């Protein structure tokens, strides 16, 4: 049981509650930089896996409205529908923040 503790600490509560979240239809838009698992490996690209769903939704909406300044994110988020924003926020909030052991 002790060997599972580090893994459980890396999992967001939403993973335990909703493991069958389908990937967003336009996952490639985010995955190009953040990867489909949300654990971006490129310098300067934030890891978004396991972030709070509300935080992710609010951040995407802030980019859409121009309240956050990052040209690439503003362009990508500006093309998203409300449903896309919900789907991306739910998807990335349920991805484990830590890599598998």
Protein backbone atom coordinates (compact mmCIF):
# COMPACT_ATOMS: atom_id res chain seq x y z
CA UNK A 1 0.00 0.00 0.00
CA UNK A 2 2.86 2.41 0.73
CA UNK A 3 4.03 2.13 -2.88
CA UNK A 4 0.70 3.50 -4.09
CA UNK A 5 0.84 6.60 -1.89
CA UNK A 6 3.10 8.70 -4.17
CA UNK A 7 0.91 7.85 -7.16
CA UNK A 8 -2.29 8.76 -5.33
CA UNK A 9 -0.81 12.09 -4.28
CA UNK A 10 -0.22 12.92 -7.95
CA UNK A 11 -3.77 12.21 -9.03
CA UNK A 12 -6.30 15.02 -8.96
CA UNK A 13 -9.56 14.18 -7.20
CA UNK A 14 -11.38 14.49 -10.51
CA UNK A 15 -9.45 11.49 -11.89
CA UNK A 16 -10.74 9.33 -9.10
CA UNK A 17 -14.29 10.61 -9.59
CA UNK A 18 -14.52 10.68 -13.41
CA UNK A 19 -11.93 8.43 -15.09
CA UNK A 20 -13.92 8.04 -18.32
CA UNK A 21 -13.76 11.63 -19.55
CA UNK A 22 -13.61 11.48 -23.35
CA UNK A 23 -10.90 13.50 -25.11
CA UNK A 24 -12.06 16.80 -26.60
CA UNK A 25 -12.85 16.76 -30.31
CA UNK A 26 -10.15 19.36 -30.98
CA UNK A 27 -7.51 17.96 -28.61
CA UNK A 28 -4.80 18.59 -31.20
CA UNK A 29 -5.11 22.35 -30.69
CA UNK A 30 -3.79 22.10 -27.13
CA UNK A 31 -1.77 18.91 -27.53
CA UNK A 32 0.54 20.60 -30.04
CA UNK A 33 2.18 22.44 -27.13
CA UNK A 34 0.81 20.95 -23.91
CA UNK A 35 0.68 17.33 -25.19
CA UNK A 36 -2.45 15.25 -24.88
CA UNK A 37 -1.54 14.38 -21.29
CA UNK A 38 -1.06 18.05 -20.30
CA UNK A 39 2.49 17.48 -19.07
CA UNK A 40 4.25 19.66 -21.62
CA UNK A 41 7.91 18.94 -22.03
CA UNK A 42 9.03 22.08 -23.83
CA UNK A 43 10.61 24.99 -21.93
CA UNK A 44 8.16 27.82 -21.37
CA UNK A 45 5.06 25.67 -21.91
CA UNK A 46 3.18 25.18 -18.66
CA UNK A 47 2.03 21.82 -17.42
CA UNK A 48 -1.74 21.90 -17.19
CA UNK A 49 -2.42 18.28 -16.23
CA UNK A 50 -4.29 17.99 -12.96
CA UNK A 51 -5.04 21.70 -12.71
CA UNK A 52 -8.37 22.68 -11.21
CA UNK A 53 -11.14 22.54 -13.83
CA UNK A 54 -12.50 25.97 -12.87
CA UNK A 55 -9.03 27.50 -13.10
CA UNK A 56 -8.49 26.04 -16.59
CA UNK A 57 -11.90 27.21 -17.79
CA UNK A 58 -11.32 30.71 -16.40
CA UNK A 59 -7.85 30.88 -17.94
CA UNK A 60 -9.12 29.87 -21.38
CA UNK A 61 -11.93 32.39 -21.15
CA UNK A 62 -9.47 35.10 -20.11
CA UNK A 63 -7.39 34.36 -23.23
CA UNK A 64 -10.57 34.42 -25.34
CA UNK A 65 -11.47 37.86 -24.00
CA UNK A 66 -7.96 39.27 -24.26
CA UNK A 67 -7.56 39.58 -20.49
CA UNK A 68 -4.49 37.34 -20.59
CA UNK A 69 -1.74 38.33 -22.97
CA UNK A 70 -0.13 35.53 -24.94
CA UNK A 71 -0.55 35.83 -28.69
CA UNK A 72 -0.66 32.10 -29.48
CA UNK A 73 -3.05 31.31 -26.65
CA UNK A 74 -5.30 34.25 -27.54
CA UNK A 75 -5.50 33.06 -31.16
CA UNK A 76 -6.20 29.45 -30.23
CA UNK A 77 -8.64 30.20 -27.40
CA UNK A 78 -10.38 32.81 -29.51
CA UNK A 79 -11.43 30.08 -31.94
CA UNK A 80 -12.93 27.87 -29.22
CA UNK A 81 -16.62 27.54 -28.51
CA UNK A 82 -17.98 27.57 -24.97
CA UNK A 83 -18.35 23.78 -25.26
CA UNK A 84 -14.72 23.42 -26.37
CA UNK A 85 -13.57 25.39 -23.32
CA UNK A 86 -15.62 23.14 -21.03
CA UNK A 87 -14.29 20.00 -22.71
CA UNK A 88 -10.64 21.11 -22.54
CA UNK A 89 -10.93 22.19 -18.90
CA UNK A 90 -12.54 18.88 -17.93
CA UNK A 91 -10.04 16.81 -19.95
CA UNK A 92 -6.86 18.41 -18.62
CA UNK A 93 -8.15 18.59 -15.04
CA UNK A 94 -8.54 14.80 -15.10
CA UNK A 95 -5.06 14.06 -16.44
CA UNK A 96 -2.55 12.92 -13.79
CA UNK A 97 -0.08 15.67 -12.92
CA UNK A 98 2.78 13.24 -12.33
CA UNK A 99 4.16 10.73 -14.82
CA UNK A 100 3.29 7.07 -14.27
CA UNK A 101 5.76 5.23 -12.00
